Amino acid sequence: MPSRLLGRTGRSVSTVGLGTWQLGGDWGDVSEPDARAVLDASVEAGVTLFDTADVYGDGRSERIIGAFRAADPSVPLTVATKTGRRVDQTPEAYTLEHLREWTDRSRRNLGQDTLDLVQLHCPPTAVYEDDRVYDALDTLVADGAIAAYGVSVEEAAQALTAIARPHVASVQIILNAFRLKPLDEVLPAAEAAGVGILARVPLASGLLSGKYDEHTTFSADDHRSYNRHGEAFDQGETFSGVDYEAGVKAAAAFTALVREHGPADATPAQVAIAWVAQLPGVTSVIPGARNPEQARSNAAAATLPPLSDAFRAGVRDLYDSRLRAAIHGRW
C-alpha cells in the first residue's frame, strides 16, 4: 500500500484508509465481531489510517477501534476522530471546556493518552472563522491531549477558511466523481499550504459501486433511507446530495465509462476510489466497508495503474452534463 504524509501531522498514512461510520450505526446493523473482521482485513491489506467520530454509535466505533488497538499495540495505525456534534450546533458551544470534555471522552474510548488527530465535525460556518476555537485546539495540543487537529467540512468555502489557519493539519471533505467542486480551489490551496486532504464518501454512499438501481431498498436505520433530503443531517452526506434516481442513472454511465476506459478487471468501486486517490493534493481516501471482502477490495484500489486521460475526461463530462447544475453551487 503506498503512503503519503498527512499534512502537518508529520505522519505517513496509507493512500486508502478506512472510514468507520458504518461500525457505529446509520448504515444498518453491524455486529462487533463483523466490525473487528473489517478492521483485521483492512490492516492485513495495508491500511494504516482509520477515521471515526465520537458520535458514531455514541462512541461505539471509537470503542471498537480502541479495543482493536489494545489487542495488538504494535499495529502501525493513525486514528483520526471527529468531535463537536454531541451538543446543539451553535458556534457558542465550541469552547475550550467543551472541546476538552469531548476529547477526554474520545481518549477514553480509544484508549489513547494523546489522540493522533482530532477534526472538528462539520460545525457551523462561524466556527471555522473563530480565533478562540483555534486557540482552544492549540491549548489541547500543548497539554498533550491531542497531537494534531484538522477539520471536516461540508462546503468548499469552509475548507478554504480552515486551510488558511497556520496549525490546521488536515481537511476532510466529500470528494468523488459526483462531487468535483473541491478540484477547483480546495485541492490546490491545500497542496500549496501543506495541508492534508482526507476524501470521504468516495463512492457517493455506494452509488458509484454500480450495484444499486431504482428498485434497491435500504433498511429503516440506514441514512440512505431517512436522510435523502437532509432530514437528519446535511443532505450532502447521503448520495453526495444527488437525487437518488438521477444518481442511479449517472452511476450506470460511470460503470460504462469504467468498462470502456478503466483498468481491466477493476470494479467500478475500485476505479471510483482510485480516481480520487490519484488526484493531486489528496492524501488518503476513506471509504467505509461492512465486511472483509469490501475492505480488501477497497484497499486494492490503491495499487491500480494511473487512470487514462480519456477516463478522467469522461468523469468530467458526466459531472458537467448530469450533475453540475444541481450540485456544484450547494457545497
C-alpha atoms as a PDB file:
ATOM      1  CA  MET A   1       0.000   0.000   0.000  1.00  0.00           C
ATOM      2  CA  PRO A   2       1.508   3.390  -0.949  1.00  0.00           C
ATOM      3  CA  SER A   3       1.603   6.043   1.766  1.00  0.00           C
ATOM      4  CA  ARG A   4       1.687   9.831   1.906  1.00  0.00           C
ATOM      5  CA  LEU A   5       2.432  12.471   4.507  1.00  0.00           C
ATOM      6  CA  LEU A   6      -0.762  13.591   6.222  1.00  0.00           C
ATOM      7  CA  GLY A   7      -0.323  17.326   6.013  1.00  0.00           C
ATOM      8  CA  ARG A   8       1.088  18.997   9.081  1.00  0.00           C
ATOM      9  CA  THR A   9       0.735  15.917  11.312  1.00  0.00           C
ATOM     10  CA  GLY A  10       4.144  14.606  10.310  1.00  0.00           C
ATOM     11  CA  ARG A  11       2.610  11.128   9.951  1.00  0.00           C
ATOM     12  CA  SER A  12       2.586   8.942   6.858  1.00  0.00           C
ATOM     13  CA  VAL A  13      -0.708   7.170   6.180  1.00  0.00           C
ATOM     14  CA  SER A  14      -1.963   4.755   3.545  1.00  0.00           C
ATOM     15  CA  THR A  15      -3.430   6.290   0.408  1.00  0.00           C
ATOM     16  CA  VAL A  16      -6.602   4.294   1.050  1.00  0.00           C
ATOM     17  CA  GLY A  17      -7.800   4.344   4.638  1.00  0.00           C
ATOM     18  CA  LEU A  18     -10.971   3.105   6.320  1.00  0.00           C
ATOM     19  CA  GLY A  19     -13.976   5.184   7.281  1.00  0.00           C
ATOM     20  CA  THR A  20     -15.775   3.644  10.257  1.00  0.00           C
ATOM     21  CA  TRP A  21     -19.138   5.411  10.388  1.00  0.00           C
ATOM     22  CA  GLN A  22     -20.762   2.099   9.498  1.00  0.00           C
ATOM     23  CA  LEU A  23     -19.242   0.431  12.591  1.00  0.00           C
ATOM     24  CA  GLY A  24     -21.197   2.791  14.821  1.00  0.00           C
ATOM     25  CA  GLY A  25     -24.537   2.964  13.055  1.00  0.00           C
ATOM     26  CA  ASP A  26     -26.610   4.729  10.393  1.00  0.00           C
ATOM     27  CA  TRP A  27     -25.800   2.033   7.816  1.00  0.00           C
ATOM     28  CA  GLY A  28     -27.843  -0.801   9.294  1.00  0.00           C
ATOM     29  CA  ASP A  29     -26.632  -3.169  11.991  1.00  0.00           C
ATOM     30  CA  VAL A  30     -23.003  -4.336  12.021  1.00  0.00           C
ATOM     31  CA  SER A  31     -22.129  -6.741  14.840  1.00  0.00           C
ATOM     32  CA  GLU A  32     -18.959  -6.250  16.871  1.00  0.00           C
ATOM     33  CA  PRO A  33     -17.322  -9.461  15.508  1.00  0.00           C
ATOM     34  CA  ASP A  34     -18.128  -8.290  11.969  1.00  0.00           C
ATOM     35  CA  ALA A  35     -16.663  -4.880  12.765  1.00  0.00           C
ATOM     36  CA  ARG A  36     -13.476  -6.478  14.102  1.00  0.00           C
ATOM     37  CA  ALA A  37     -13.227  -8.596  10.942  1.00  0.00           C
ATOM     38  CA  VAL A  38     -13.368  -5.427   8.825  1.00  0.00           C
ATOM     39  CA  LEU A  39     -10.562  -3.844  10.850  1.00  0.00           C
ATOM     40  CA  ASP A  40      -8.463  -7.007  10.607  1.00  0.00           C
ATOM     41  CA  ALA A  41      -8.931  -7.256   6.843  1.00  0.00           C
ATOM     42  CA  SER A  42      -8.097  -3.592   6.354  1.00  0.00           C
ATOM     43  CA  VAL A  43      -4.841  -3.790   8.283  1.00  0.00           C
ATOM     44  CA  GLU A  44      -3.874  -7.005   6.507  1.00  0.00           C
ATOM     45  CA  ALA A  45      -4.394  -5.139   3.210  1.00  0.00           C
ATOM     46  CA  GLY A  46      -2.029  -2.363   4.260  1.00  0.00           C
ATOM     47  CA  VAL A  47      -4.446   0.256   5.634  1.00  0.00           C
ATOM     48  CA  THR A  48      -2.815   2.426   8.302  1.00  0.00           C
ATOM     49  CA  LEU A  49      -5.499   5.115   8.719  1.00  0.00           C
ATOM     50  CA  PHE A  50      -8.853   4.678  10.468  1.00  0.00           C
ATOM     51  CA  ASP A  51     -11.301   7.584  10.551  1.00  0.00           C
ATOM     52  CA  THR A  52     -14.003   7.656  13.215  1.00  0.00           C
ATOM     53  CA  ALA A  53     -16.054  10.119  15.297  1.00  0.00           C
ATOM     54  CA  ASP A  54     -17.335  10.406  18.839  1.00  0.00           C
ATOM     55  CA  VAL A  55     -20.952  10.310  17.640  1.00  0.00           C
ATOM     56  CA  TYR A  56     -20.695   7.149  15.523  1.00  0.00           C
ATOM     57  CA  GLY A  57     -22.916   4.899  17.592  1.00  0.00           C
ATOM     58  CA  ASP A  58     -22.447   7.298  20.528  1.00  0.00           C
ATOM     59  CA  GLY A  59     -18.805   6.244  20.743  1.00  0.00           C
ATOM     60  CA  ARG A  60     -19.247   2.596  19.675  1.00  0.00           C
ATOM     61  CA  SER A  61     -16.989   2.994  16.652  1.00  0.00           C
ATOM     62  CA  GLU A  62     -14.255   4.579  18.777  1.00  0.00           C
ATOM     63  CA  ARG A  63     -14.526   1.854  21.419  1.00  0.00           C
ATOM     64  CA  ILE A  64     -14.275  -0.930  18.825  1.00  0.00           C
ATOM     65  CA  ILE A  65     -11.149   0.680  17.378  1.00  0.00           C
ATOM     66  CA  GLY A  66      -9.749   1.192  20.870  1.00  0.00           C
ATOM     67  CA  ALA A  67     -10.182  -2.495  21.687  1.00  0.00           C
ATOM     68  CA  PHE A  68      -8.614  -3.415  18.353  1.00  0.00           C
ATOM     69  CA  ARG A  69      -5.541  -1.314  19.085  1.00  0.00           C
ATOM     70  CA  ALA A  70      -5.286  -2.615  22.636  1.00  0.00           C
ATOM     71  CA  ALA A  71      -5.257  -6.209  21.373  1.00  0.00           C
ATOM     72  CA  ASP A  72      -2.112  -5.512  19.323  1.00  0.00           C
ATOM     73  CA  PRO A  73      -0.435  -2.167  20.071  1.00  0.00           C
ATOM     74  CA  SER A  74       2.313  -2.952  17.562  1.00  0.00           C
ATOM     75  CA  VAL A  75      -0.028  -2.464  14.581  1.00  0.00           C
ATOM     76  CA  PRO A  76       1.029   0.811  12.870  1.00  0.00           C
ATOM     77  CA  LEU A  77      -2.130   2.918  12.877  1.00  0.00           C
ATOM     78  CA  THR A  78      -3.146   6.538  12.780  1.00  0.00           C
ATOM     79  CA  VAL A  79      -6.641   7.065  14.164  1.00  0.00           C
ATOM     80  CA  ALA A  80      -8.406  10.268  13.181  1.00  0.00           C
ATOM     81  CA  THR A  81     -11.507  11.030  15.181  1.00  0.00           C
ATOM     82  CA  LYS A  82     -14.003  13.866  14.977  1.00  0.00           C
ATOM     83  CA  THR A  83     -15.681  15.942  17.640  1.00  0.00           C
ATOM     84  CA  GLY A  84     -18.273  18.639  18.216  1.00  0.00           C
ATOM     85  CA  ARG A  85     -21.632  17.088  17.361  1.00  0.00           C
ATOM     86  CA  ARG A  86     -22.568  15.985  20.856  1.00  0.00           C
ATOM     87  CA  VAL A  87     -24.319  19.299  21.508  1.00  0.00           C
ATOM     88  CA  ASP A  88     -26.702  21.611  19.702  1.00  0.00           C
ATOM     89  CA  GLN A  89     -24.887  23.086  16.735  1.00  0.00           C
ATOM     90  CA  THR A  90     -24.310  26.676  17.806  1.00  0.00           C
ATOM     91  CA  PRO A  91     -20.948  28.423  17.477  1.00  0.00           C
ATOM     92  CA  GLU A  92     -21.029  29.273  21.188  1.00  0.00           C
ATOM     93  CA  ALA A  93     -20.782  25.558  22.072  1.00  0.00           C
ATOM     94  CA  TYR A  94     -17.217  25.295  20.750  1.00  0.00           C
ATOM     95  CA  THR A  95     -15.423  26.329  23.927  1.00  0.00           C
ATOM     96  CA  LEU A  96     -12.191  25.050  25.435  1.00  0.00           C
ATOM     97  CA  GLU A  97     -14.216  23.431  28.228  1.00  0.00           C
ATOM     98  CA  HIS A  98     -16.388  21.506  25.782  1.00  0.00           C
ATOM     99  CA  LEU A  99     -13.524  20.585  23.473  1.00  0.00           C
ATOM    100  CA  ARG A 100     -11.579  19.255  26.448  1.00  0.00           C
ATOM    101  CA  GLU A 101     -14.609  17.280  27.633  1.00  0.00           C
ATOM    102  CA  TRP A 102     -15.207  15.787  24.170  1.00  0.00           C
ATOM    103  CA  THR A 103     -11.586  14.890  23.529  1.00  0.00           C
ATOM    104  CA  ASP A 104     -11.195  13.371  27.004  1.00  0.00           C
ATOM    105  CA  ARG A 105     -14.145  11.088  26.213  1.00  0.00           C
ATOM    106  CA  SER A 106     -12.553  10.084  22.898  1.00  0.00           C
ATOM    107  CA  ARG A 107      -9.260   9.411  24.670  1.00  0.00           C
ATOM    108  CA  ARG A 108     -11.058   7.012  27.000  1.00  0.00           C
ATOM    109  CA  ASN A 109     -12.958   5.360  24.159  1.00  0.00           C
ATOM    110  CA  LEU A 110      -9.826   4.889  22.061  1.00  0.00           C
ATOM    111  CA  GLY A 111      -7.513   4.081  24.954  1.00  0.00           C
ATOM    112  CA  GLN A 112      -5.058   6.811  23.931  1.00  0.00           C
ATOM    113  CA  ASP A 113      -3.392   9.346  26.182  1.00  0.00           C
ATOM    114  CA  THR A 114      -2.817  11.555  23.134  1.00  0.00           C
ATOM    115  CA  LEU A 115      -5.200  11.438  20.195  1.00  0.00           C
ATOM    116  CA  ASP A 116      -3.440  11.234  16.820  1.00  0.00           C
ATOM    117  CA  LEU A 117      -5.743  13.663  15.011  1.00  0.00           C
ATOM    118  CA  VAL A 118      -8.941  15.409  16.110  1.00  0.00           C
ATOM    119  CA  GLN A 119     -11.159  17.014  13.486  1.00  0.00           C
ATOM    120  CA  LEU A 120     -13.980  19.470  14.086  1.00  0.00           C
ATOM    121  CA  HIS A 121     -17.016  17.549  12.858  1.00  0.00           C
ATOM    122  CA  CYS A 122     -18.729  19.798  10.302  1.00  0.00           C
ATOM    123  CA  PRO A 123     -19.586  22.595  12.735  1.00  0.00           C
ATOM    124  CA  PRO A 124     -21.467  25.802  11.835  1.00  0.00           C
ATOM    125  CA  THR A 125     -19.581  28.014   9.394  1.00  0.00           C
ATOM    126  CA  ALA A 126     -18.824  30.627  12.071  1.00  0.00           C
ATOM    127  CA  VAL A 127     -16.733  28.082  13.993  1.00  0.00           C
ATOM    128  CA  TYR A 128     -14.175  27.861  11.172  1.00  0.00           C
ATOM    129  CA  GLU A 129     -13.733  31.635  11.433  1.00  0.00           C
ATOM    130  CA  ASP A 130     -13.388  31.878  15.236  1.00  0.00           C
ATOM    131  CA  ASP A 131      -9.902  32.580  16.621  1.00  0.00           C
ATOM    132  CA  ARG A 132     -10.977  31.267  20.042  1.00  0.00           C
ATOM    133  CA  VAL A 133     -11.674  27.806  18.657  1.00  0.00           C
ATOM    134  CA  TYR A 134      -8.173  27.510  17.199  1.00  0.00           C
ATOM    135  CA  ASP A 135      -6.696  28.877  20.432  1.00  0.00           C
ATOM    136  CA  ALA A 136      -8.551  26.157  22.340  1.00  0.00           C
ATOM    137  CA  LEU A 137      -7.267  23.460  19.989  1.00  0.00           C
ATOM    138  CA  ASP A 138      -3.737  24.806  20.306  1.00  0.00           C
ATOM    139  CA  THR A 139      -4.131  24.539  24.085  1.00  0.00           C
ATOM    140  CA  LEU A 140      -5.119  20.875  23.797  1.00  0.00           C
ATOM    141  CA  VAL A 141      -2.029  20.237  21.663  1.00  0.00           C
ATOM    142  CA  ALA A 142       0.175  22.000  24.220  1.00  0.00           C
ATOM    143  CA  ASP A 143      -1.427  19.943  27.004  1.00  0.00           C
ATOM    144  CA  GLY A 144      -0.700  16.685  25.173  1.00  0.00           C
ATOM    145  CA  ALA A 145      -4.350  15.692  24.813  1.00  0.00           C
ATOM    146  CA  ILE A 146      -4.125  15.750  21.016  1.00  0.00           C
ATOM    147  CA  ALA A 147      -1.166  15.552  18.674  1.00  0.00           C
ATOM    148  CA  ALA A 148      -2.741  17.497  15.809  1.00  0.00           C
ATOM    149  CA  TYR A 149      -6.058  18.883  14.669  1.00  0.00           C
ATOM    150  CA  GLY A 150      -7.977  19.386  11.473  1.00  0.00           C
ATOM    151  CA  VAL A 151     -11.492  19.990  10.250  1.00  0.00           C
ATOM    152  CA  SER A 152     -14.214  18.085   8.481  1.00  0.00           C
ATOM    153  CA  VAL A 153     -16.343  20.273   6.219  1.00  0.00           C
ATOM    154  CA  GLU A 154     -19.485  20.241   4.139  1.00  0.00           C
ATOM    155  CA  GLU A 155     -18.609  23.177   1.883  1.00  0.00           C
ATOM    156  CA  ALA A 156     -15.573  24.141  -0.160  1.00  0.00           C
ATOM    157  CA  ALA A 157     -15.631  27.657   1.305  1.00  0.00           C
ATOM    158  CA  GLN A 158     -15.304  26.239   4.827  1.00  0.00           C
ATOM    159  CA  ALA A 159     -12.292  24.215   3.714  1.00  0.00           C
ATOM    160  CA  LEU A 160     -10.573  27.294   2.296  1.00  0.00           C
ATOM    161  CA  THR A 161     -11.139  29.186   5.555  1.00  0.00           C
ATOM    162  CA  ALA A 162      -9.536  26.376   7.558  1.00  0.00           C
ATOM    163  CA  ILE A 163      -6.612  25.883   5.178  1.00  0.00           C
ATOM    164  CA  ALA A 164      -5.597  29.485   5.813  1.00  0.00           C
ATOM    165  CA  ARG A 165      -5.043  28.737   9.525  1.00  0.00           C
ATOM    166  CA  PRO A 166      -1.397  28.003  10.359  1.00  0.00           C
ATOM    167  CA  HIS A 167      -1.913  24.943  12.585  1.00  0.00           C
ATOM    168  CA  VAL A 168      -4.702  23.119  10.750  1.00  0.00           C
ATOM    169  CA  ALA A 169      -3.127  19.815   9.760  1.00  0.00           C
ATOM    170  CA  SER A 170      -5.831  18.373   7.536  1.00  0.00           C
ATOM    171  CA  VAL A 171      -9.195  18.915   5.901  1.00  0.00           C
ATOM    172  CA  GLN A 172     -11.726  16.159   5.389  1.00  0.00           C
ATOM    173  CA  ILE A 173     -14.160  16.784   2.548  1.00  0.00           C
ATOM    174  CA  ILE A 174     -16.632  14.909   0.354  1.00  0.00           C
ATOM    175  CA  LEU A 175     -14.884  14.202  -2.928  1.00  0.00           C
ATOM    176  CA  ASN A 176     -15.907  11.724  -5.607  1.00  0.00           C
ATOM    177  CA  ALA A 177     -16.849  11.517  -9.276  1.00  0.00           C
ATOM    178  CA  PHE A 178     -20.227  13.064  -8.376  1.00  0.00           C
ATOM    179  CA  ARG A 179     -18.690  15.916  -6.325  1.00  0.00           C
ATOM    180  CA  LEU A 180     -15.990  17.767  -8.245  1.00  0.00           C
ATOM    181  CA  LYS A 181     -16.106  21.233  -6.699  1.00  0.00           C
ATOM    182  CA  PRO A 182     -13.093  20.604  -4.382  1.00  0.00           C
ATOM    183  CA  LEU A 183     -10.932  20.295  -7.503  1.00  0.00           C
ATOM    184  CA  ASP A 184     -11.483  23.969  -8.344  1.00  0.00           C
ATOM    185  CA  GLU A 185      -9.794  25.610  -5.355  1.00  0.00           C
ATOM    186  CA  VAL A 186      -9.613  23.351  -2.297  1.00  0.00           C
ATOM    187  CA  LEU A 187      -7.094  20.779  -3.535  1.00  0.00           C
ATOM    188  CA  PRO A 188      -4.674  23.376  -4.979  1.00  0.00           C
ATOM    189  CA  ALA A 189      -4.881  25.506  -1.823  1.00  0.00           C
ATOM    190  CA  ALA A 190      -4.306  22.540   0.474  1.00  0.00           C
ATOM    191  CA  GLU A 191      -1.359  21.303  -1.559  1.00  0.00           C
ATOM    192  CA  ALA A 192       0.231  24.754  -1.556  1.00  0.00           C
ATOM    193  CA  ALA A 193      -0.220  25.114   2.211  1.00  0.00           C
ATOM    194  CA  GLY A 194       0.946  21.613   3.105  1.00  0.00           C
ATOM    195  CA  VAL A 195      -2.458  20.662   4.492  1.00  0.00           C
ATOM    196  CA  GLY A 196      -3.592  17.060   4.148  1.00  0.00           C
ATOM    197  CA  ILE A 197      -6.815  16.125   2.379  1.00  0.00           C
ATOM    198  CA  LEU A 198      -8.928  13.189   3.553  1.00  0.00           C
ATOM    199  CA  ALA A 199     -11.543  12.381   0.921  1.00  0.00           C
ATOM    200  CA  ARG A 200     -14.731  10.939   2.345  1.00  0.00           C
ATOM    201  CA  VAL A 201     -17.843   9.472   0.683  1.00  0.00           C
ATOM    202  CA  PRO A 202     -15.736   8.383  -2.323  1.00  0.00           C
ATOM    203  CA  LEU A 203     -18.470   6.046  -3.561  1.00  0.00           C
ATOM    204  CA  ALA A 204     -21.331   8.532  -3.112  1.00  0.00           C
ATOM    205  CA  SER A 205     -22.867   6.304  -0.411  1.00  0.00           C
ATOM    206  CA  GLY A 206     -22.473   3.273  -2.648  1.00  0.00           C
ATOM    207  CA  LEU A 207     -23.954   4.694  -5.850  1.00  0.00           C
ATOM    208  CA  LEU A 208     -20.617   4.567  -7.662  1.00  0.00           C
ATOM    209  CA  SER A 209     -20.324   0.840  -6.986  1.00  0.00           C
ATOM    210  CA  GLY A 210     -22.909   0.376  -9.741  1.00  0.00           C
ATOM    211  CA  LYS A 211     -24.814  -2.123  -7.590  1.00  0.00           C
ATOM    212  CA  TYR A 212     -27.962  -0.086  -6.954  1.00  0.00           C
ATOM    213  CA  ASP A 213     -30.975   0.532  -9.169  1.00  0.00           C
ATOM    214  CA  GLU A 214     -34.347   2.218  -8.844  1.00  0.00           C
ATOM    215  CA  HIS A 215     -35.706  -0.827  -7.003  1.00  0.00           C
ATOM    216  CA  THR A 216     -32.987  -1.014  -4.339  1.00  0.00           C
ATOM    217  CA  THR A 217     -34.231  -0.527  -0.782  1.00  0.00           C
ATOM    218  CA  PHE A 218     -32.282   0.242   2.381  1.00  0.00           C
ATOM    219  CA  SER A 219     -33.133  -0.589   5.980  1.00  0.00           C
ATOM    220  CA  ALA A 220     -35.017   1.959   8.052  1.00  0.00           C
ATOM    221  CA  ASP A 221     -31.957   2.646  10.225  1.00  0.00           C
ATOM    222  CA  ASP A 222     -29.777   3.358   7.180  1.00  0.00           C
ATOM    223  CA  HIS A 223     -29.263   7.063   6.409  1.00  0.00           C
ATOM    224  CA  ARG A 224     -29.793   6.246   2.737  1.00  0.00           C
ATOM    225  CA  SER A 225     -33.434   5.738   3.708  1.00  0.00           C
ATOM    226  CA  TYR A 226     -34.028   8.514   6.211  1.00  0.00           C
ATOM    227  CA  ASN A 227     -31.725  11.366   5.119  1.00  0.00           C
ATOM    228  CA  ARG A 228     -32.189  11.631   1.356  1.00  0.00           C
ATOM    229  CA  HIS A 229     -33.436  15.195   1.699  1.00  0.00           C
ATOM    230  CA  GLY A 230     -31.393  16.242   4.733  1.00  0.00           C
ATOM    231  CA  GLU A 231     -33.971  15.243   7.321  1.00  0.00           C
ATOM    232  CA  ALA A 232     -31.379  14.255   9.970  1.00  0.00           C
ATOM    233  CA  PHE A 233     -28.117  15.977   8.897  1.00  0.00           C
ATOM    234  CA  ASP A 234     -26.624  17.626   5.847  1.00  0.00           C
ATOM    235  CA  GLN A 235     -28.142  16.211   2.660  1.00  0.00           C
ATOM    236  CA  GLY A 236     -24.725  16.153   1.031  1.00  0.00           C
ATOM    237  CA  GLU A 237     -23.663  13.252   3.266  1.00  0.00           C
ATOM    238  CA  THR A 238     -26.215  10.950   1.597  1.00  0.00           C
ATOM    239  CA  PHE A 239     -25.510  10.042  -2.038  1.00  0.00           C
ATOM    240  CA  SER A 240     -23.349  13.213  -2.090  1.00  0.00           C
ATOM    241  CA  GLY A 241     -26.590  15.200  -2.248  1.00  0.00           C
ATOM    242  CA  VAL A 242     -27.501  13.709  -5.618  1.00  0.00           C
ATOM    243  CA  ASP A 243     -31.157  12.856  -6.218  1.00  0.00           C
ATOM    244  CA  TYR A 244     -31.313   9.073  -5.955  1.00  0.00           C
ATOM    245  CA  GLU A 245     -32.945   8.355  -9.312  1.00  0.00           C
ATOM    246  CA  ALA A 246     -30.614  10.764 -11.098  1.00  0.00           C
ATOM    247  CA  GLY A 247     -27.710   9.198  -9.238  1.00  0.00           C
ATOM    248  CA  VAL A 248     -28.612   5.678 -10.345  1.00  0.00           C
ATOM    249  CA  LYS A 249     -28.607   6.819 -13.969  1.00  0.00           C
ATOM    250  CA  ALA A 250     -25.321   8.680 -13.542  1.00  0.00           C
ATOM    251  CA  ALA A 251     -23.815   5.614 -11.851  1.00  0.00           C
ATOM    252  CA  ALA A 252     -24.781   3.468 -14.835  1.00  0.00           C
ATOM    253  CA  ALA A 253     -22.947   5.938 -17.063  1.00  0.00           C
ATOM    254  CA  PHE A 254     -19.937   5.794 -14.735  1.00  0.00           C
ATOM    255  CA  THR A 255     -19.910   1.990 -14.919  1.00  0.00           C
ATOM    256  CA  ALA A 256     -19.997   2.170 -18.711  1.00  0.00           C
ATOM    257  CA  LEU A 257     -17.064   4.582 -18.584  1.00  0.00           C
ATOM    258  CA  VAL A 258     -15.132   2.144 -16.392  1.00  0.00           C
ATOM    259  CA  ARG A 259     -15.801  -0.672 -18.842  1.00  0.00           C
ATOM    260  CA  GLU A 260     -14.647   1.431 -21.795  1.00  0.00           C
ATOM    261  CA  HIS A 261     -11.662   3.304 -20.386  1.00  0.00           C
ATOM    262  CA  GLY A 262     -10.882   1.832 -16.954  1.00  0.00           C
ATOM    263  CA  PRO A 263      -8.268  -0.768 -15.978  1.00  0.00           C
ATOM    264  CA  ALA A 264      -9.077  -4.346 -16.914  1.00  0.00           C
ATOM    265  CA  ASP A 265     -10.733  -6.425 -14.168  1.00  0.00           C
ATOM    266  CA  ALA A 266     -11.182  -3.454 -11.814  1.00  0.00           C
ATOM    267  CA  THR A 267     -14.632  -2.936 -10.336  1.00  0.00           C
ATOM    268  CA  PRO A 268     -16.454   0.405 -10.625  1.00  0.00           C
ATOM    269  CA  ALA A 269     -15.996   0.891  -6.882  1.00  0.00           C
ATOM    270  CA  GLN A 270     -12.240   0.349  -7.109  1.00  0.00           C
ATOM    271  CA  VAL A 271     -11.924   2.727 -10.027  1.00  0.00           C
ATOM    272  CA  ALA A 272     -14.014   5.353  -8.207  1.00  0.00           C
ATOM    273  CA  ILE A 273     -11.663   5.139  -5.214  1.00  0.00           C
ATOM    274  CA  ALA A 274      -8.563   5.175  -7.416  1.00  0.00           C
ATOM    275  CA  TRP A 275      -9.820   8.219  -9.299  1.00  0.00           C
ATOM    276  CA  VAL A 276      -9.899  10.153  -6.013  1.00  0.00           C
ATOM    277  CA  ALA A 277      -6.631   8.737  -4.666  1.00  0.00           C
ATOM    278  CA  GLN A 278      -4.781   9.748  -7.828  1.00  0.00           C
ATOM    279  CA  LEU A 279      -5.841  13.400  -7.684  1.00  0.00           C
ATOM    280  CA  PRO A 280      -3.020  15.838  -6.887  1.00  0.00           C
ATOM    281  CA  GLY A 281      -3.389  17.079  -3.331  1.00  0.00           C
ATOM    282  CA  VAL A 282      -5.324  14.108  -1.933  1.00  0.00           C
ATOM    283  CA  THR A 283      -3.603  12.376   0.980  1.00  0.00           C
ATOM    284  CA  SER A 284      -5.946   9.468   1.640  1.00  0.00           C
ATOM    285  CA  VAL A 285      -9.375   8.208   0.582  1.00  0.00           C
ATOM    286  CA  ILE A 286     -11.515   6.806   3.399  1.00  0.00           C
ATOM    287  CA  PRO A 287     -14.256   4.505   2.077  1.00  0.00           C
ATOM    288  CA  GLY A 288     -16.294   2.504   4.541  1.00  0.00           C
ATOM    289  CA  ALA A 289     -16.698  -1.271   4.487  1.00  0.00           C
ATOM    290  CA  ARG A 290     -19.340  -3.532   6.003  1.00  0.00           C
ATOM    291  CA  ASN A 291     -17.446  -6.804   5.528  1.00  0.00           C
ATOM    292  CA  PRO A 292     -13.863  -8.021   4.989  1.00  0.00           C
ATOM    293  CA  GLU A 293     -14.369  -8.546   1.267  1.00  0.00           C
ATOM    294  CA  GLN A 294     -15.309  -4.899   0.786  1.00  0.00           C
ATOM    295  CA  ALA A 295     -12.375  -3.804   2.912  1.00  0.00           C
ATOM    296  CA  ARG A 296      -9.883  -5.821   0.857  1.00  0.00           C
ATOM    297  CA  SER A 297     -11.399  -4.702  -2.438  1.00  0.00           C
ATOM    298  CA  ASN A 298     -11.304  -1.042  -1.405  1.00  0.00           C
ATOM    299  CA  ALA A 299      -7.669  -1.288  -0.319  1.00  0.00           C
ATOM    300  CA  ALA A 300      -6.702  -2.889  -3.637  1.00  0.00           C
ATOM    301  CA  ALA A 301      -7.765   0.312  -5.403  1.00  0.00           C
ATOM    302  CA  ALA A 302      -4.557   1.924  -4.103  1.00  0.00           C
ATOM    303  CA  THR A 303      -2.476  -0.212  -6.454  1.00  0.00           C
ATOM    304  CA  LEU A 304      -4.418   0.352  -9.681  1.00  0.00           C
ATOM    305  CA  PRO A 305      -2.363   1.878 -12.521  1.00  0.00           C
ATOM    306  CA  PRO A 306      -2.796   5.567 -13.391  1.00  0.00           C
ATOM    307  CA  LEU A 307      -6.188   6.177 -14.954  1.00  0.00           C
ATOM    308  CA  SER A 308      -6.243   7.336 -18.554  1.00  0.00           C
ATOM    309  CA  ASP A 309      -6.865  10.863 -19.750  1.00  0.00           C
ATOM    310  CA  ALA A 310      -9.921   9.528 -21.587  1.00  0.00           C
ATOM    311  CA  PHE A 311     -11.361   8.200 -18.355  1.00  0.00           C
ATOM    312  CA  ARG A 312     -10.711  11.439 -16.475  1.00  0.00           C
ATOM    313  CA  ALA A 313     -12.290  13.466 -19.277  1.00  0.00           C
ATOM    314  CA  GLY A 314     -15.276  11.133 -19.179  1.00  0.00           C
ATOM    315  CA  VAL A 315     -15.754  11.747 -15.454  1.00  0.00           C
ATOM    316  CA  ARG A 316     -15.716  15.495 -16.045  1.00  0.00           C
ATOM    317  CA  ASP A 317     -18.202  15.216 -18.910  1.00  0.00           C
ATOM    318  CA  LEU A 318     -20.528  13.029 -16.836  1.00  0.00           C
ATOM    319  CA  TYR A 319     -20.482  15.529 -13.989  1.00  0.00           C
ATOM    320  CA  ASP A 320     -20.938  18.568 -16.205  1.00  0.00           C
ATOM    321  CA  SER A 321     -23.798  17.096 -18.199  1.00  0.00           C
ATOM    322  CA  ARG A 322     -25.738  15.316 -15.461  1.00  0.00           C
ATOM    323  CA  LEU A 323     -24.920  16.715 -12.015  1.00  0.00           C
ATOM    324  CA  ARG A 324     -23.216  20.109 -12.014  1.00  0.00           C
ATOM    325  CA  ALA A 325     -26.376  22.190 -12.168  1.00  0.00           C
ATOM    326  CA  ALA A 326     -27.861  20.565  -9.066  1.00  0.00           C
ATOM    327  CA  ILE A 327     -24.661  20.011  -7.035  1.00  0.00           C
ATOM    328  CA  HIS A 328     -21.904  22.490  -7.765  1.00  0.00           C
ATOM    329  CA  GLY A 329     -23.406  25.595  -6.236  1.00  0.00           C
ATOM    330  CA  ARG A 330     -24.527  23.964  -2.995  1.00  0.00           C
ATOM    331  CA  TRP A 331     -21.372  22.582  -1.464  1.00  0.00           C
END
